Amino acid sequence: MSFDVLEKLEAKIQTAVDTISLLQMEVDELKEQNGKLGDENQQLRQQQQAWQERLQALLGKIDQVEESV
């Protein structure tokens, strides 16, 4: 093999290594975002559950009023 071919191969390998490194950093960032969104999703589910419970309580009170009338 000539020196030129080895230099081109080295450049391509370095480009591949750089690309892999960037992709790994992007994966790490996406994992972090996913974790944050998972936490936010859990909070929203808890809020939704609280609203449903409040709504059920109000509907129960309405039913009681209707039954007493």
PDB file of N, CA and C in Angstrom:
ATOM      1  N   MET A   1       0.842  -1.190   0.000  1.00  0.00           N
ATOM      2  CA  MET A   1       0.000   0.000   0.000  1.00  0.00           C
ATOM      3  C   MET A   1       0.879   1.242   0.000  1.00  0.00           C
ATOM      4  N   SER A   2       0.405   2.223  -0.666  1.00  0.00           N
ATOM      5  CA  SER A   2       1.178   3.458  -0.697  1.00  0.00           C
ATOM      6  C   SER A   2       0.840   4.320   0.509  1.00  0.00           C
ATOM      7  N   PHE A   3       1.705   5.248   0.759  1.00  0.00           N
ATOM      8  CA  PHE A   3       1.534   6.152   1.900  1.00  0.00           C
ATOM      9  C   PHE A   3       0.260   6.978   1.747  1.00  0.00           C
ATOM     10  N   ASP A   4      -0.071   7.344   0.518  1.00  0.00           N
ATOM     11  CA  ASP A   4      -1.274   8.129   0.231  1.00  0.00           C
ATOM     12  C   ASP A   4      -2.540   7.381   0.651  1.00  0.00           C
ATOM     13  N   VAL A   5      -2.594   6.112   0.327  1.00  0.00           N
ATOM     14  CA  VAL A   5      -3.758   5.299   0.666  1.00  0.00           C
ATOM     15  C   VAL A   5      -3.897   5.191   2.176  1.00  0.00           C
ATOM     16  N   LEU A   6      -2.793   5.021   2.871  1.00  0.00           N
ATOM     17  CA  LEU A   6      -2.823   4.934   4.329  1.00  0.00           C
ATOM     18  C   LEU A   6      -3.304   6.241   4.952  1.00  0.00           C
ATOM     19  N   GLU A   7      -2.868   7.364   4.388  1.00  0.00           N
ATOM     20  CA  GLU A   7      -3.318   8.665   4.902  1.00  0.00           C
ATOM     21  C   GLU A   7      -4.820   8.835   4.708  1.00  0.00           C
ATOM     22  N   LYS A   8      -5.329   8.423   3.538  1.00  0.00           N
ATOM     23  CA  LYS A   8      -6.769   8.519   3.284  1.00  0.00           C
ATOM     24  C   LYS A   8      -7.550   7.610   4.234  1.00  0.00           C
ATOM     25  N   LEU A   9      -7.035   6.420   4.442  1.00  0.00           N
ATOM     26  CA  LEU A   9      -7.680   5.489   5.368  1.00  0.00           C
ATOM     27  C   LEU A   9      -7.689   6.051   6.784  1.00  0.00           C
ATOM     28  N   GLU A  10      -6.565   6.624   7.193  1.00  0.00           N
ATOM     29  CA  GLU A  10      -6.478   7.228   8.522  1.00  0.00           C
ATOM     30  C   GLU A  10      -7.480   8.372   8.667  1.00  0.00           C
ATOM     31  N   ALA A  11      -7.612   9.190   7.628  1.00  0.00           N
ATOM     32  CA  ALA A  11      -8.551  10.308   7.664  1.00  0.00           C
ATOM     33  C   ALA A  11      -9.989   9.797   7.776  1.00  0.00           C
ATOM     34  N   LYS A  12     -10.302   8.746   7.021  1.00  0.00           N
ATOM     35  CA  LYS A  12     -11.651   8.193   7.076  1.00  0.00           C
ATOM     36  C   LYS A  12     -11.931   7.580   8.448  1.00  0.00           C
ATOM     37  N   ILE A  13     -10.956   6.914   9.015  1.00  0.00           N
ATOM     38  CA  ILE A  13     -11.120   6.328  10.349  1.00  0.00           C
ATOM     39  C   ILE A  13     -11.325   7.427  11.380  1.00  0.00           C
ATOM     40  N   GLN A  14     -10.542   8.499  11.279  1.00  0.00           N
ATOM     41  CA  GLN A  14     -10.679   9.610  12.227  1.00  0.00           C
ATOM     42  C   GLN A  14     -12.060  10.248  12.098  1.00  0.00           C
ATOM     43  N   THR A  15     -12.531  10.400  10.869  1.00  0.00           N
ATOM     44  CA  THR A  15     -13.870  10.952  10.648  1.00  0.00           C
ATOM     45  C   THR A  15     -14.933  10.049  11.282  1.00  0.00           C
ATOM     46  N   ALA A  16     -14.771   8.739  11.113  1.00  0.00           N
ATOM     47  CA  ALA A  16     -15.716   7.794  11.697  1.00  0.00           C
ATOM     48  C   ALA A  16     -15.687   7.874  13.222  1.00  0.00           C
ATOM     49  N   VAL A  17     -14.498   7.958  13.796  1.00  0.00           N
ATOM     50  CA  VAL A  17     -14.364   8.054  15.255  1.00  0.00           C
ATOM     51  C   VAL A  17     -15.009   9.343  15.763  1.00  0.00           C
ATOM     52  N   ASP A  18     -14.776  10.448  15.063  1.00  0.00           N
ATOM     53  CA  ASP A  18     -15.384  11.731  15.453  1.00  0.00           C
ATOM     54  C   ASP A  18     -16.900  11.660  15.381  1.00  0.00           C
ATOM     55  N   THR A  19     -17.405  11.053  14.318  1.00  0.00           N
ATOM     56  CA  THR A  19     -18.854  10.920  14.149  1.00  0.00           C
ATOM     57  C   THR A  19     -19.445  10.072  15.264  1.00  0.00           C
ATOM     58  N   ILE A  20     -18.794   8.980  15.581  1.00  0.00           N
ATOM     59  CA  ILE A  20     -19.269   8.105  16.658  1.00  0.00           C
ATOM     60  C   ILE A  20     -19.269   8.852  17.987  1.00  0.00           C
ATOM     61  N   SER A  21     -18.245   9.633  18.239  1.00  0.00           N
ATOM     62  CA  SER A  21     -18.179  10.411  19.484  1.00  0.00           C
ATOM     63  C   SER A  21     -19.324  11.407  19.567  1.00  0.00           C
ATOM     64  N   LEU A  22     -19.581  12.096  18.459  1.00  0.00           N
ATOM     65  CA  LEU A  22     -20.684  13.062  18.440  1.00  0.00           C
ATOM     66  C   LEU A  22     -22.024  12.366  18.651  1.00  0.00           C
ATOM     67  N   LEU A  23     -22.195  11.214  18.022  1.00  0.00           N
ATOM     68  CA  LEU A  23     -23.444  10.472  18.192  1.00  0.00           C
ATOM     69  C   LEU A  23     -23.609   9.979  19.617  1.00  0.00           C
ATOM     70  N   GLN A  24     -22.529   9.572  20.251  1.00  0.00           N
ATOM     71  CA  GLN A  24     -22.607   9.141  21.649  1.00  0.00           C
ATOM     72  C   GLN A  24     -23.006  10.303  22.553  1.00  0.00           C
ATOM     73  N   MET A  25     -22.461  11.495  22.280  1.00  0.00           N
ATOM     74  CA  MET A  25     -22.841  12.670  23.070  1.00  0.00           C
ATOM     75  C   MET A  25     -24.319  12.990  22.856  1.00  0.00           C
ATOM     76  N   GLU A  26     -24.779  12.868  21.615  1.00  0.00           N
ATOM     77  CA  GLU A  26     -26.179  13.141  21.322  1.00  0.00           C
ATOM     78  C   GLU A  26     -27.082  12.128  22.026  1.00  0.00           C
ATOM     79  N   VAL A  27     -26.686  10.873  22.036  1.00  0.00           N
ATOM     80  CA  VAL A  27     -27.459   9.841  22.732  1.00  0.00           C
ATOM     81  C   VAL A  27     -27.533  10.162  24.226  1.00  0.00           C
ATOM     82  N   ASP A  28     -26.416  10.587  24.807  1.00  0.00           N
ATOM     83  CA  ASP A  28     -26.412  10.940  26.230  1.00  0.00           C
ATOM     84  C   ASP A  28     -27.358  12.100  26.511  1.00  0.00           C
ATOM     85  N   GLU A  29     -27.341  13.107  25.631  1.00  0.00           N
ATOM     86  CA  GLU A  29     -28.240  14.250  25.807  1.00  0.00           C
ATOM     87  C   GLU A  29     -29.695  13.815  25.693  1.00  0.00           C
ATOM     88  N   LEU A  30     -29.976  12.947  24.722  1.00  0.00           N
ATOM     89  CA  LEU A  30     -31.343  12.477  24.547  1.00  0.00           C
ATOM     90  C   LEU A  30     -31.797  11.632  25.727  1.00  0.00           C
ATOM     91  N   LYS A  31     -30.905  10.841  26.298  1.00  0.00           N
ATOM     92  CA  LYS A  31     -31.252  10.070  27.488  1.00  0.00           C
ATOM     93  C   LYS A  31     -31.587  10.997  28.646  1.00  0.00           C
ATOM     94  N   GLU A  32     -30.814  12.066  28.785  1.00  0.00           N
ATOM     95  CA  GLU A  32     -31.073  13.034  29.853  1.00  0.00           C
ATOM     96  C   GLU A  32     -32.427  13.712  29.642  1.00  0.00           C
ATOM     97  N   GLN A  33     -32.696  14.124  28.395  1.00  0.00           N
ATOM     98  CA  GLN A  33     -33.983  14.745  28.088  1.00  0.00           C
ATOM     99  C   GLN A  33     -35.128  13.774  28.351  1.00  0.00           C
ATOM    100  N   ASN A  34     -34.917  12.526  27.976  1.00  0.00           N
ATOM    101  CA  ASN A  34     -35.938  11.510  28.189  1.00  0.00           C
ATOM    102  C   ASN A  34     -36.236  11.348  29.675  1.00  0.00           C
ATOM    103  N   GLY A  35     -35.195  11.361  30.491  1.00  0.00           N
ATOM    104  CA  GLY A  35     -35.388  11.262  31.936  1.00  0.00           C
ATOM    105  C   GLY A  35     -36.181  12.436  32.477  1.00  0.00           C
ATOM    106  N   LYS A  36     -35.849  13.631  32.010  1.00  0.00           N
ATOM    107  CA  LYS A  36     -36.576  14.819  32.457  1.00  0.00           C
ATOM    108  C   LYS A  36     -38.030  14.770  32.013  1.00  0.00           C
ATOM    109  N   LEU A  37     -38.255  14.338  30.773  1.00  0.00           N
ATOM    110  CA  LEU A  37     -39.625  14.244  30.284  1.00  0.00           C
ATOM    111  C   LEU A  37     -40.402  13.162  31.020  1.00  0.00           C
ATOM    112  N   GLY A  38     -39.715  12.099  31.402  1.00  0.00           N
ATOM    113  CA  GLY A  38     -40.369  11.051  32.189  1.00  0.00           C
ATOM    114  C   GLY A  38     -40.819  11.591  33.532  1.00  0.00           C
ATOM    115  N   ASP A  39     -39.968  12.403  34.158  1.00  0.00           N
ATOM    116  CA  ASP A  39     -40.340  13.018  35.439  1.00  0.00           C
ATOM    117  C   ASP A  39     -41.526  13.964  35.260  1.00  0.00           C
ATOM    118  N   GLU A  40     -41.476  14.769  34.195  1.00  0.00           N
ATOM    119  CA  GLU A  40     -42.559  15.710  33.930  1.00  0.00           C
ATOM    120  C   GLU A  40     -43.862  14.956  33.647  1.00  0.00           C
ATOM    121  N   ASN A  41     -43.742  13.873  32.905  1.00  0.00           N
ATOM    122  CA  ASN A  41     -44.915  13.055  32.605  1.00  0.00           C
ATOM    123  C   ASN A  41     -45.532  12.496  33.881  1.00  0.00           C
ATOM    124  N   GLN A  42     -44.697  12.047  34.792  1.00  0.00           N
ATOM    125  CA  GLN A  42     -45.189  11.516  36.069  1.00  0.00           C
ATOM    126  C   GLN A  42     -45.918  12.594  36.860  1.00  0.00           C
ATOM    127  N   GLN A  43     -45.354  13.791  36.879  1.00  0.00           N
ATOM    128  CA  GLN A  43     -46.002  14.897  37.585  1.00  0.00           C
ATOM    129  C   GLN A  43     -47.358  15.224  36.962  1.00  0.00           C
ATOM    130  N   LEU A  44     -47.404  15.241  35.639  1.00  0.00           N
ATOM    131  CA  LEU A  44     -48.664  15.537  34.961  1.00  0.00           C
ATOM    132  C   LEU A  44     -49.700  14.450  35.225  1.00  0.00           C
ATOM    133  N   ARG A  45     -49.257  13.210  35.291  1.00  0.00           N
ATOM    134  CA  ARG A  45     -50.188  12.120  35.603  1.00  0.00           C
ATOM    135  C   ARG A  45     -50.741  12.277  37.024  1.00  0.00           C
ATOM    136  N   GLN A  46     -49.893  12.687  37.953  1.00  0.00           N
ATOM    137  CA  GLN A  46     -50.343  12.902  39.327  1.00  0.00           C
ATOM    138  C   GLN A  46     -51.345  14.053  39.391  1.00  0.00           C
ATOM    139  N   GLN A  47     -51.065  15.115  38.638  1.00  0.00           N
ATOM    140  CA  GLN A  47     -51.997  16.248  38.604  1.00  0.00           C
ATOM    141  C   GLN A  47     -53.336  15.825  38.005  1.00  0.00           C
ATOM    142  N   GLN A  48     -53.257  15.040  36.935  1.00  0.00           N
ATOM    143  CA  GLN A  48     -54.483  14.559  36.310  1.00  0.00           C
ATOM    144  C   GLN A  48     -55.281  13.707  37.290  1.00  0.00           C
ATOM    145  N   GLN A  49     -54.612  12.859  38.016  1.00  0.00           N
ATOM    146  CA  GLN A  49     -55.280  12.001  39.005  1.00  0.00           C
ATOM    147  C   GLN A  49     -55.947  12.858  40.086  1.00  0.00           C
ATOM    148  N   ALA A  50     -55.241  13.895  40.530  1.00  0.00           N
ATOM    149  CA  ALA A  50     -55.807  14.783  41.549  1.00  0.00           C
ATOM    150  C   ALA A  50     -57.058  15.482  41.019  1.00  0.00           C
ATOM    151  N   TRP A  51     -57.002  15.944  39.771  1.00  0.00           N
ATOM    152  CA  TRP A  51     -58.178  16.596  39.185  1.00  0.00           C
ATOM    153  C   TRP A  51     -59.336  15.622  39.043  1.00  0.00           C
ATOM    154  N   GLN A  52     -59.028  14.401  38.651  1.00  0.00           N
ATOM    155  CA  GLN A  52     -60.095  13.401  38.527  1.00  0.00           C
ATOM    156  C   GLN A  52     -60.748  13.127  39.883  1.00  0.00           C
ATOM    157  N   GLU A  53     -59.936  13.045  40.914  1.00  0.00           N
ATOM    158  CA  GLU A  53     -60.478  12.807  42.257  1.00  0.00           C
ATOM    159  C   GLU A  53     -61.354  13.977  42.704  1.00  0.00           C
ATOM    160  N   ARG A  54     -60.900  15.199  42.423  1.00  0.00           N
ATOM    161  CA  ARG A  54     -61.695  16.374  42.791  1.00  0.00           C
ATOM    162  C   ARG A  54     -63.009  16.400  42.021  1.00  0.00           C
ATOM    163  N   LEU A  55     -62.916  16.063  40.738  1.00  0.00           N
ATOM    164  CA  LEU A  55     -64.121  16.054  39.915  1.00  0.00           C
ATOM    165  C   LEU A  55     -65.099  14.984  40.399  1.00  0.00           C
ATOM    166  N   GLN A  56     -64.596  13.818  40.750  1.00  0.00           N
ATOM    167  CA  GLN A  56     -65.455  12.755  41.281  1.00  0.00           C
ATOM    168  C   GLN A  56     -66.131  13.196  42.578  1.00  0.00           C
ATOM    169  N   ALA A  57     -65.381  13.894  43.421  1.00  0.00           N
ATOM    170  CA  ALA A  57     -65.955  14.388  44.674  1.00  0.00           C
ATOM    171  C   ALA A  57     -67.068  15.394  44.398  1.00  0.00           C
ATOM    172  N   LEU A  58     -66.841  16.291  43.447  1.00  0.00           N
ATOM    173  CA  LEU A  58     -67.881  17.272  43.102  1.00  0.00           C
ATOM    174  C   LEU A  58     -69.103  16.597  42.502  1.00  0.00           C
ATOM    175  N   LEU A  59     -68.875  15.610  41.641  1.00  0.00           N
ATOM    176  CA  LEU A  59     -70.008  14.895  41.062  1.00  0.00           C
ATOM    177  C   LEU A  59     -70.777  14.138  42.146  1.00  0.00           C
ATOM    178  N   GLY A  60     -70.057  13.622  43.134  1.00  0.00           N
ATOM    179  CA  GLY A  60     -70.722  12.957  44.241  1.00  0.00           C
ATOM    180  C   GLY A  60     -71.598  13.909  45.027  1.00  0.00           C
ATOM    181  N   LYS A  61     -71.089  15.131  45.242  1.00  0.00           N
ATOM    182  CA  LYS A  61     -71.901  16.128  45.948  1.00  0.00           C
ATOM    183  C   LYS A  61     -73.137  16.500  45.151  1.00  0.00           C
ATOM    184  N   ILE A  62     -72.975  16.614  43.824  1.00  0.00           N
ATOM    185  CA  ILE A  62     -74.142  16.930  42.976  1.00  0.00           C
ATOM    186  C   ILE A  62     -75.169  15.813  43.064  1.00  0.00           C
ATOM    187  N   ASP A  63     -74.687  14.590  43.026  1.00  0.00           N
ATOM    188  CA  ASP A  63     -75.611  13.436  43.147  1.00  0.00           C
ATOM    189  C   ASP A  63     -76.358  13.478  44.490  1.00  0.00           C
ATOM    190  N   GLN A  64     -75.658  13.823  45.570  1.00  0.00           N
ATOM    191  CA  GLN A  64     -76.296  13.890  46.885  1.00  0.00           C
ATOM    192  C   GLN A  64     -77.380  14.962  46.907  1.00  0.00           C
ATOM    193  N   VAL A  65     -77.086  16.085  46.281  1.00  0.00           N
ATOM    194  CA  VAL A  65     -78.067  17.166  46.246  1.00  0.00           C
ATOM    195  C   VAL A  65     -79.287  16.733  45.442  1.00  0.00           C
ATOM    196  N   GLU A  66     -79.042  16.067  44.315  1.00  0.00           N
ATOM    197  CA  GLU A  66     -80.163  15.621  43.484  1.00  0.00           C
ATOM    198  C   GLU A  66     -81.009  14.574  44.194  1.00  0.00           C
ATOM    199  N   GLU A  67     -80.373  13.700  44.976  1.00  0.00           N
ATOM    200  CA  GLU A  67     -81.101  12.674  45.699  1.00  0.00           C
ATOM    201  C   GLU A  67     -81.943  13.267  46.825  1.00  0.00           C
ATOM    202  N   SER A  68     -81.478  14.341  47.420  1.00  0.00           N
ATOM    203  CA  SER A  68     -82.216  14.932  48.529  1.00  0.00           C
ATOM    204  C   SER A  68     -83.342  15.822  48.062  1.00  0.00           C
ATOM    205  N   VAL A  69     -83.380  16.118  46.777  1.00  0.00           N
ATOM    206  CA  VAL A  69     -84.437  16.994  46.272  1.00  0.00           C
ATOM    207  C   VAL A  69     -85.662  16.236  45.925  1.00  0.00           C
TER     208      VAL A  69
END
